[in-house]
Full PDB file with SEQRES, HELIX, SHEET, SSBOND, CRYST1, ORIGX, SCALE, CONECT and MASTER records, all heavy atoms in Angstrom:
SEQRES   1 A   31  PRO ARG LEU ALA LEU ILE ASN ASN GLU THR GLY VAL VAL          
SEQRES   2 A   31  ILE SER VAL LEU ASN PHE ILE LEU PRO PHE PHE VAL LEU          
SEQRES   3 A   31  THR LEU PHE GLY ALA                                          
HELIX    1 AA1 GLU A    9  GLY A   30  1                                  22    
CRYST1    1.000    1.000    1.000  90.00  90.00  90.00 P 1           1          
ORIGX1      1.000000  0.000000  0.000000        0.00000                         
ORIGX2      0.000000  1.000000  0.000000        0.00000                         
ORIGX3      0.000000  0.000000  1.000000        0.00000                         
SCALE1      1.000000  0.000000  0.000000        0.00000                         
SCALE2      0.000000  1.000000  0.000000        0.00000                         
SCALE3      0.000000  0.000000  1.000000        0.00000                         
ATOM      1  N   PRO A   1       0.831  -1.214   0.001  1.00  0.00           N  
ATOM      2  CA  PRO A   1      -0.001   0.000   0.000  1.00  0.00           C  
ATOM      3  C   PRO A   1       0.864   1.259   0.001  1.00  0.00           C  
ATOM      4  O   PRO A   1       1.982   1.277   0.511  1.00  0.00           O  
ATOM      5  CB  PRO A   1      -0.797  -0.126   1.307  1.00  0.00           C  
ATOM      6  CG  PRO A   1       0.041  -1.005   2.175  1.00  0.00           C  
ATOM      7  CD  PRO A   1       0.715  -1.971   1.256  1.00  0.00           C  
ATOM      8  N   ARG A   2       0.314   2.308  -0.582  1.00  0.00           N  
ATOM      9  CA  ARG A   2       1.019   3.577  -0.620  1.00  0.00           C  
ATOM     10  C   ARG A   2       1.026   4.211   0.772  1.00  0.00           C  
ATOM     11  O   ARG A   2       0.138   3.969   1.591  1.00  0.00           O  
ATOM     12  CB  ARG A   2       0.358   4.536  -1.620  1.00  0.00           C  
ATOM     13  CG  ARG A   2       0.375   4.024  -3.059  1.00  0.00           C  
ATOM     14  CD  ARG A   2      -0.361   4.984  -3.972  1.00  0.00           C  
ATOM     15  NE  ARG A   2      -0.484   4.426  -5.307  1.00  0.00           N  
ATOM     16  CZ  ARG A   2       0.403   4.653  -6.284  1.00  0.00           C  
ATOM     17  NH1 ARG A   2       1.462   5.416  -6.051  1.00  0.00           N  
ATOM     18  NH2 ARG A   2       0.230   4.116  -7.476  1.00  0.00           N  
ATOM     19  N   LEU A   3       2.035   5.034   1.017  1.00  0.00           N  
ATOM     20  CA  LEU A   3       2.175   5.715   2.297  1.00  0.00           C  
ATOM     21  C   LEU A   3       1.940   7.211   2.126  1.00  0.00           C  
ATOM     22  O   LEU A   3       2.325   7.797   1.112  1.00  0.00           O  
ATOM     23  CB  LEU A   3       3.588   5.492   2.869  1.00  0.00           C  
ATOM     24  CG  LEU A   3       3.991   4.041   3.151  1.00  0.00           C  
ATOM     25  CD1 LEU A   3       5.435   3.989   3.633  1.00  0.00           C  
ATOM     26  CD2 LEU A   3       3.069   3.415   4.184  1.00  0.00           C  
ATOM     27  N   ALA A   4       1.304   7.810   3.112  1.00  0.00           N  
ATOM     28  CA  ALA A   4       1.103   9.260   3.110  1.00  0.00           C  
ATOM     29  C   ALA A   4       2.341   9.911   3.707  1.00  0.00           C  
ATOM     30  O   ALA A   4       2.524   9.922   4.923  1.00  0.00           O  
ATOM     31  CB  ALA A   4      -0.143   9.619   3.914  1.00  0.00           C  
ATOM     32  N   LEU A   5       3.196  10.444   2.847  1.00  0.00           N  
ATOM     33  CA  LEU A   5       4.484  10.969   3.285  1.00  0.00           C  
ATOM     34  C   LEU A   5       4.592  12.477   3.160  1.00  0.00           C  
ATOM     35  O   LEU A   5       5.577  13.058   3.623  1.00  0.00           O  
ATOM     36  CB  LEU A   5       5.615  10.317   2.474  1.00  0.00           C  
ATOM     37  CG  LEU A   5       5.730   8.795   2.604  1.00  0.00           C  
ATOM     38  CD1 LEU A   5       6.820   8.276   1.685  1.00  0.00           C  
ATOM     39  CD2 LEU A   5       6.014   8.399   4.050  1.00  0.00           C  
ATOM     40  N   ILE A   6       3.617  13.121   2.527  1.00  0.00           N  
ATOM     41  CA  ILE A   6       3.613  14.583   2.457  1.00  0.00           C  
ATOM     42  C   ILE A   6       2.278  15.087   2.953  1.00  0.00           C  
ATOM     43  O   ILE A   6       1.346  14.312   3.194  1.00  0.00           O  
ATOM     44  CB  ILE A   6       3.893  15.106   1.034  1.00  0.00           C  
ATOM     45  CG1 ILE A   6       2.826  14.628   0.052  1.00  0.00           C  
ATOM     46  CG2 ILE A   6       5.275  14.695   0.563  1.00  0.00           C  
ATOM     47  CD1 ILE A   6       2.950  15.282  -1.317  1.00  0.00           C  
ATOM     48  N   ASN A   7       2.214  16.421   3.135  1.00  0.00           N  
ATOM     49  CA  ASN A   7       1.038  17.072   3.723  1.00  0.00           C  
ATOM     50  C   ASN A   7       0.783  16.566   5.136  1.00  0.00           C  
ATOM     51  O   ASN A   7      -0.364  16.494   5.582  1.00  0.00           O  
ATOM     52  CB  ASN A   7      -0.212  16.859   2.850  1.00  0.00           C  
ATOM     53  CG  ASN A   7      -0.052  17.444   1.463  1.00  0.00           C  
ATOM     54  OD1 ASN A   7       0.657  18.434   1.267  1.00  0.00           O  
ATOM     55  ND2 ASN A   7      -0.698  16.835   0.484  1.00  0.00           N  
ATOM     56  N   ASN A   8       1.850  16.190   5.812  1.00  0.00           N  
ATOM     57  CA  ASN A   8       1.765  15.773   7.202  1.00  0.00           C  
ATOM     58  C   ASN A   8       3.138  15.976   7.850  1.00  0.00           C  
ATOM     59  O   ASN A   8       4.079  16.457   7.222  1.00  0.00           O  
ATOM     60  CB  ASN A   8       1.309  14.308   7.315  1.00  0.00           C  
ATOM     61  CG  ASN A   8       2.158  13.382   6.461  1.00  0.00           C  
ATOM     62  OD1 ASN A   8       3.353  13.580   6.290  1.00  0.00           O  
ATOM     63  ND2 ASN A   8       1.540  12.338   5.917  1.00  0.00           N  
ATOM     64  N   GLU A   9       3.220  15.595   9.120  1.00  0.00           N  
ATOM     65  CA  GLU A   9       4.469  15.827   9.851  1.00  0.00           C  
ATOM     66  C   GLU A   9       5.616  14.959   9.349  1.00  0.00           C  
ATOM     67  O   GLU A   9       6.780  15.330   9.490  1.00  0.00           O  
ATOM     68  CB  GLU A   9       4.240  15.573  11.346  1.00  0.00           C  
ATOM     69  CG  GLU A   9       3.314  16.581  12.008  1.00  0.00           C  
ATOM     70  CD  GLU A   9       3.208  16.379  13.502  1.00  0.00           C  
ATOM     71  OE1 GLU A   9       3.866  15.437  14.010  1.00  0.00           O  
ATOM     72  OE2 GLU A   9       2.480  17.139  14.157  1.00  0.00           O  
ATOM     73  N   THR A  10       5.309  13.815   8.758  1.00  0.00           N  
ATOM     74  CA  THR A  10       6.364  12.930   8.252  1.00  0.00           C  
ATOM     75  C   THR A  10       7.203  13.632   7.188  1.00  0.00           C  
ATOM     76  O   THR A  10       8.439  13.643   7.245  1.00  0.00           O  
ATOM     77  CB  THR A  10       5.755  11.647   7.672  1.00  0.00           C  
ATOM     78  OG1 THR A  10       4.985  10.990   8.675  1.00  0.00           O  
ATOM     79  CG2 THR A  10       6.850  10.718   7.171  1.00  0.00           C  
ATOM     80  N   GLY A  11       6.540  14.233   6.216  1.00  0.00           N  
ATOM     81  CA  GLY A  11       7.263  14.938   5.170  1.00  0.00           C  
ATOM     82  C   GLY A  11       8.036  16.123   5.702  1.00  0.00           C  
ATOM     83  O   GLY A  11       9.150  16.412   5.243  1.00  0.00           O  
ATOM     84  N   VAL A  12       7.463  16.821   6.680  1.00  0.00           N  
ATOM     85  CA  VAL A  12       8.143  17.975   7.263  1.00  0.00           C  
ATOM     86  C   VAL A  12       9.412  17.535   7.980  1.00  0.00           C  
ATOM     87  O   VAL A  12      10.481  18.139   7.814  1.00  0.00           O  
ATOM     88  CB  VAL A  12       7.194  18.717   8.229  1.00  0.00           C  
ATOM     89  CG1 VAL A  12       7.951  19.822   8.974  1.00  0.00           C  
ATOM     90  CG2 VAL A  12       6.016  19.309   7.471  1.00  0.00           C  
ATOM     91  N   VAL A  13       9.317  16.479   8.782  1.00  0.00           N  
ATOM     92  CA  VAL A  13      10.485  16.004   9.528  1.00  0.00           C  
ATOM     93  C   VAL A  13      11.588  15.541   8.578  1.00  0.00           C  
ATOM     94  O   VAL A  13      12.770  15.871   8.758  1.00  0.00           O  
ATOM     95  CB  VAL A  13      10.084  14.870  10.495  1.00  0.00           C  
ATOM     96  CG1 VAL A  13      11.320  14.201  11.089  1.00  0.00           C  
ATOM     97  CG2 VAL A  13       9.202  15.419  11.606  1.00  0.00           C  
ATOM     98  N   ILE A  14      11.221  14.792   7.547  1.00  0.00           N  
ATOM     99  CA  ILE A  14      12.217  14.282   6.603  1.00  0.00           C  
ATOM    100  C   ILE A  14      12.919  15.433   5.889  1.00  0.00           C  
ATOM    101  O   ILE A  14      14.154  15.453   5.762  1.00  0.00           O  
ATOM    102  CB  ILE A  14      11.562  13.338   5.592  1.00  0.00           C  
ATOM    103  CG1 ILE A  14      11.094  12.056   6.283  1.00  0.00           C  
ATOM    104  CG2 ILE A  14      12.530  12.987   4.465  1.00  0.00           C  
ATOM    105  CD1 ILE A  14      10.311  11.120   5.388  1.00  0.00           C  
ATOM    106  N   SER A  15      12.165  16.403   5.403  1.00  0.00           N  
ATOM    107  CA  SER A  15      12.756  17.505   4.653  1.00  0.00           C  
ATOM    108  C   SER A  15      13.599  18.420   5.537  1.00  0.00           C  
ATOM    109  O   SER A  15      14.682  18.859   5.137  1.00  0.00           O  
ATOM    110  CB  SER A  15      11.663  18.303   3.951  1.00  0.00           C  
ATOM    111  OG  SER A  15      10.698  18.786   4.868  1.00  0.00           O  
ATOM    112  N   VAL A  16      13.113  18.713   6.744  1.00  0.00           N  
ATOM    113  CA  VAL A  16      13.890  19.558   7.656  1.00  0.00           C  
ATOM    114  C   VAL A  16      15.169  18.839   8.091  1.00  0.00           C  
ATOM    115  O   VAL A  16      16.242  19.446   8.194  1.00  0.00           O  
ATOM    116  CB  VAL A  16      13.041  19.960   8.882  1.00  0.00           C  
ATOM    117  CG1 VAL A  16      13.889  20.703   9.910  1.00  0.00           C  
ATOM    118  CG2 VAL A  16      11.875  20.838   8.450  1.00  0.00           C  
ATOM    119  N   LEU A  17      15.061  17.544   8.339  1.00  0.00           N  
ATOM    120  CA  LEU A  17      16.242  16.756   8.711  1.00  0.00           C  
ATOM    121  C   LEU A  17      17.268  16.771   7.588  1.00  0.00           C  
ATOM    122  O   LEU A  17      18.478  16.895   7.842  1.00  0.00           O  
ATOM    123  CB  LEU A  17      15.825  15.330   9.041  1.00  0.00           C  
ATOM    124  CG  LEU A  17      16.939  14.365   9.456  1.00  0.00           C  
ATOM    125  CD1 LEU A  17      17.590  14.832  10.749  1.00  0.00           C  
ATOM    126  CD2 LEU A  17      16.378  12.954   9.628  1.00  0.00           C  
ATOM    127  N   ASN A  18      16.822  16.644   6.358  1.00  0.00           N  
ATOM    128  CA  ASN A  18      17.729  16.700   5.211  1.00  0.00           C  
ATOM    129  C   ASN A  18      18.443  18.048   5.126  1.00  0.00           C  
ATOM    130  O   ASN A  18      19.622  18.122   4.742  1.00  0.00           O  
ATOM    131  CB  ASN A  18      16.948  16.437   3.934  1.00  0.00           C  
ATOM    132  CG  ASN A  18      17.760  16.698   2.687  1.00  0.00           C  
ATOM    133  OD1 ASN A  18      17.568  17.716   2.014  1.00  0.00           O  
ATOM    134  ND2 ASN A  18      18.679  15.802   2.363  1.00  0.00           N  
ATOM    135  N   PHE A  19      17.743  19.106   5.480  1.00  0.00           N  
ATOM    136  CA  PHE A  19      18.336  20.449   5.450  1.00  0.00           C  
ATOM    137  C   PHE A  19      19.344  20.663   6.568  1.00  0.00           C  
ATOM    138  O   PHE A  19      20.399  21.276   6.370  1.00  0.00           O  
ATOM    139  CB  PHE A  19      17.218  21.492   5.543  1.00  0.00           C  
ATOM    140  CG  PHE A  19      17.713  22.896   5.717  1.00  0.00           C  
ATOM    141  CD1 PHE A  19      18.275  23.583   4.660  1.00  0.00           C  
ATOM    142  CD2 PHE A  19      17.604  23.534   6.950  1.00  0.00           C  
ATOM    143  CE1 PHE A  19      18.737  24.883   4.818  1.00  0.00           C  
ATOM    144  CE2 PHE A  19      18.063  24.830   7.127  1.00  0.00           C  
ATOM    145  CZ  PHE A  19      18.625  25.515   6.053  1.00  0.00           C  
ATOM    146  N   ILE A  20      19.057  20.119   7.753  1.00  0.00           N  
ATOM    147  CA  ILE A  20      19.865  20.415   8.935  1.00  0.00           C  
ATOM    148  C   ILE A  20      21.049  19.465   9.080  1.00  0.00           C  
ATOM    149  O   ILE A  20      22.112  19.853   9.589  1.00  0.00           O  
ATOM    150  CB  ILE A  20      18.967  20.367  10.190  1.00  0.00           C  
ATOM    151  CG1 ILE A  20      18.029  21.569  10.187  1.00  0.00           C  
ATOM    152  CG2 ILE A  20      19.784  20.331  11.481  1.00  0.00           C  
ATOM    153  CD1 ILE A  20      17.017  21.556  11.296  1.00  0.00           C  
ATOM    154  N   LEU A  21      20.899  18.235   8.628  1.00  0.00           N  
ATOM    155  CA  LEU A  21      21.924  17.226   8.867  1.00  0.00           C  
ATOM    156  C   LEU A  21      23.326  17.644   8.406  1.00  0.00           C  
ATOM    157  O   LEU A  21      24.298  17.402   9.142  1.00  0.00           O  
ATOM    158  CB  LEU A  21      21.510  15.913   8.213  1.00  0.00           C  
ATOM    159  CG  LEU A  21      22.204  14.641   8.723  1.00  0.00           C  
ATOM    160  CD1 LEU A  21      21.974  14.486  10.221  1.00  0.00           C  
ATOM    161  CD2 LEU A  21      21.674  13.412   7.985  1.00  0.00           C  
ATOM    162  N   PRO A  22      23.503  18.257   7.232  1.00  0.00           N  
ATOM    163  CA  PRO A  22      24.865  18.683   6.859  1.00  0.00           C  
ATOM    164  C   PRO A  22      25.485  19.675   7.843  1.00  0.00           C  
ATOM    165  O   PRO A  22      26.674  19.577   8.151  1.00  0.00           O  
ATOM    166  CB  PRO A  22      24.662  19.316   5.477  1.00  0.00           C  
ATOM    167  CG  PRO A  22      23.434  18.677   4.945  1.00  0.00           C  
ATOM    168  CD  PRO A  22      22.556  18.455   6.123  1.00  0.00           C  
ATOM    169  N   PHE A  23      24.696  20.621   8.341  1.00  0.00           N  
ATOM    170  CA  PHE A  23      25.210  21.568   9.332  1.00  0.00           C  
ATOM    171  C   PHE A  23      25.644  20.832  10.595  1.00  0.00           C  
ATOM    172  O   PHE A  23      26.704  21.116  11.176  1.00  0.00           O  
ATOM    173  CB  PHE A  23      24.142  22.606   9.683  1.00  0.00           C  
ATOM    174  CG  PHE A  23      23.762  23.510   8.557  1.00  0.00           C  
ATOM    175  CD1 PHE A  23      22.648  23.244   7.781  1.00  0.00           C  
ATOM    176  CD2 PHE A  23      24.518  24.636   8.266  1.00  0.00           C  
ATOM    177  CE1 PHE A  23      22.290  24.077   6.739  1.00  0.00           C  
ATOM    178  CE2 PHE A  23      24.173  25.477   7.226  1.00  0.00           C  
ATOM    179  CZ  PHE A  23      23.059  25.197   6.452  1.00  0.00           C  
ATOM    180  N   PHE A  24      24.822  19.881  11.030  1.00  0.00           N  
ATOM    181  CA  PHE A  24      25.121  19.118  12.235  1.00  0.00           C  
ATOM    182  C   PHE A  24      26.404  18.314  12.064  1.00  0.00           C  
ATOM    183  O   PHE A  24      27.301  18.348  12.919  1.00  0.00           O  
ATOM    184  CB  PHE A  24      23.950  18.198  12.567  1.00  0.00           C  
ATOM    185  CG  PHE A  24      24.150  17.360  13.784  1.00  0.00           C  
ATOM    186  CD1 PHE A  24      23.753  17.813  15.025  1.00  0.00           C  
ATOM    187  CD2 PHE A  24      24.747  16.103  13.700  1.00  0.00           C  
ATOM    188  CE1 PHE A  24      23.952  17.041  16.161  1.00  0.00           C  
ATOM    189  CE2 PHE A  24      24.940  15.329  14.824  1.00  0.00           C  
ATOM    190  CZ  PHE A  24      24.544  15.798  16.064  1.00  0.00           C  
ATOM    191  N   VAL A  25      26.507  17.593  10.946  1.00  0.00           N  
ATOM    192  CA  VAL A  25      27.655  16.710  10.722  1.00  0.00           C  
ATOM    193  C   VAL A  25      28.945  17.508  10.616  1.00  0.00           C  
ATOM    194  O   VAL A  25      29.963  17.154  11.226  1.00  0.00           O  
ATOM    195  CB  VAL A  25      27.430  15.852   9.468  1.00  0.00           C  
ATOM    196  CG1 VAL A  25      28.696  15.078   9.109  1.00  0.00           C  
ATOM    197  CG2 VAL A  25      26.281  14.889   9.689  1.00  0.00           C  
ATOM    198  N   LEU A  26      28.947  18.576   9.856  1.00  0.00           N  
ATOM    199  CA  LEU A  26      30.168  19.358   9.669  1.00  0.00           C  
ATOM    200  C   LEU A  26      30.600  20.039  10.960  1.00  0.00           C  
ATOM    201  O   LEU A  26      31.803  20.189  11.222  1.00  0.00           O  
ATOM    202  CB  LEU A  26      29.962  20.389   8.560  1.00  0.00           C  
ATOM    203  CG  LEU A  26      29.783  19.804   7.153  1.00  0.00           C  
ATOM    204  CD1 LEU A  26      29.489  20.908   6.153  1.00  0.00           C  
ATOM    205  CD2 LEU A  26      31.015  19.015   6.734  1.00  0.00           C  
ATOM    206  N   THR A  27      29.635  20.469  11.782  1.00  0.00           N  
ATOM    207  CA  THR A  27      29.993  21.064  13.078  1.00  0.00           C  
ATOM    208  C   THR A  27      30.585  20.022  14.019  1.00  0.00           C  
ATOM    209  O   THR A  27      31.609  20.259  14.662  1.00  0.00           O  
ATOM    210  CB  THR A  27      28.746  21.703  13.715  1.00  0.00           C  
ATOM    211  OG1 THR A  27      28.197  22.672  12.829  1.00  0.00           O  
ATOM    212  CG2 THR A  27      29.113  22.393  15.030  1.00  0.00           C  
ATOM    213  N   LEU A  28      29.950  18.859  14.077  1.00  0.00           N  
ATOM    214  CA  LEU A  28      30.442  17.803  14.970  1.00  0.00           C  
ATOM    215  C   LEU A  28      31.745  17.206  14.451  1.00  0.00           C  
ATOM    216  O   LEU A  28      32.604  16.793  15.251  1.00  0.00           O  
ATOM    217  CB  LEU A  28      29.374  16.719  15.106  1.00  0.00           C  
ATOM    218  CG  LEU A  28      29.661  15.582  16.083  1.00  0.00           C  
ATOM    219  CD1 LEU A  28      29.920  16.106  17.485  1.00  0.00           C  
ATOM    220  CD2 LEU A  28      28.518  14.575  16.087  1.00  0.00           C  
ATOM    221  N   PHE A  29      31.894  17.157  13.151  1.00  0.00           N  
ATOM    222  CA  PHE A  29      33.132  16.648  12.552  1.00  0.00           C  
ATOM    223  C   PHE A  29      34.344  17.424  13.050  1.00  0.00           C  
ATOM    224  O   PHE A  29      35.382  16.845  13.399  1.00  0.00           O  
ATOM    225  CB  PHE A  29      33.023  16.723  11.025  1.00  0.00           C  
ATOM    226  CG  PHE A  29      34.339  16.685  10.314  1.00  0.00           C  
ATOM    227  CD1 PHE A  29      35.090  15.519  10.266  1.00  0.00           C  
ATOM    228  CD2 PHE A  29      34.838  17.813   9.677  1.00  0.00           C  
ATOM    229  CE1 PHE A  29      36.317  15.476   9.603  1.00  0.00           C  
ATOM    230  CE2 PHE A  29      36.042  17.787   9.019  1.00  0.00           C  
ATOM    231  CZ  PHE A  29      36.782  16.613   8.981  1.00  0.00           C  
ATOM    232  N   GLY A  30      34.240  18.740  13.103  1.00  0.00           N  
ATOM    233  CA  GLY A  30      35.345  19.555  13.605  1.00  0.00           C  
ATOM    234  C   GLY A  30      35.665  19.251  15.055  1.00  0.00           C  
ATOM    235  O   GLY A  30      36.836  19.255  15.454  1.00  0.00           O  
ATOM    236  N   ALA A  31      34.622  18.984  15.868  1.00  0.00           N  
ATOM    237  CA  ALA A  31      34.847  18.684  17.279  1.00  0.00           C  
ATOM    238  C   ALA A  31      35.528  17.323  17.455  1.00  0.00           C  
ATOM    239  O   ALA A  31      36.439  17.170  18.281  1.00  0.00           O  
ATOM    240  CB  ALA A  31      33.529  18.713  18.040  1.00  0.00           C  
TER     241      ALA A  31                                                      
MASTER        0    0    0    1    0    0    0    6  240    1    0    3          
END                                                                             
């Protein structure tokens, strides 16, 4: 069955995580 992945919190979390993860990784990488 198809999954409802947009127009809900699931899509928001996935997209925001994709945006933030590089900042998080590069900051922690230096530490």
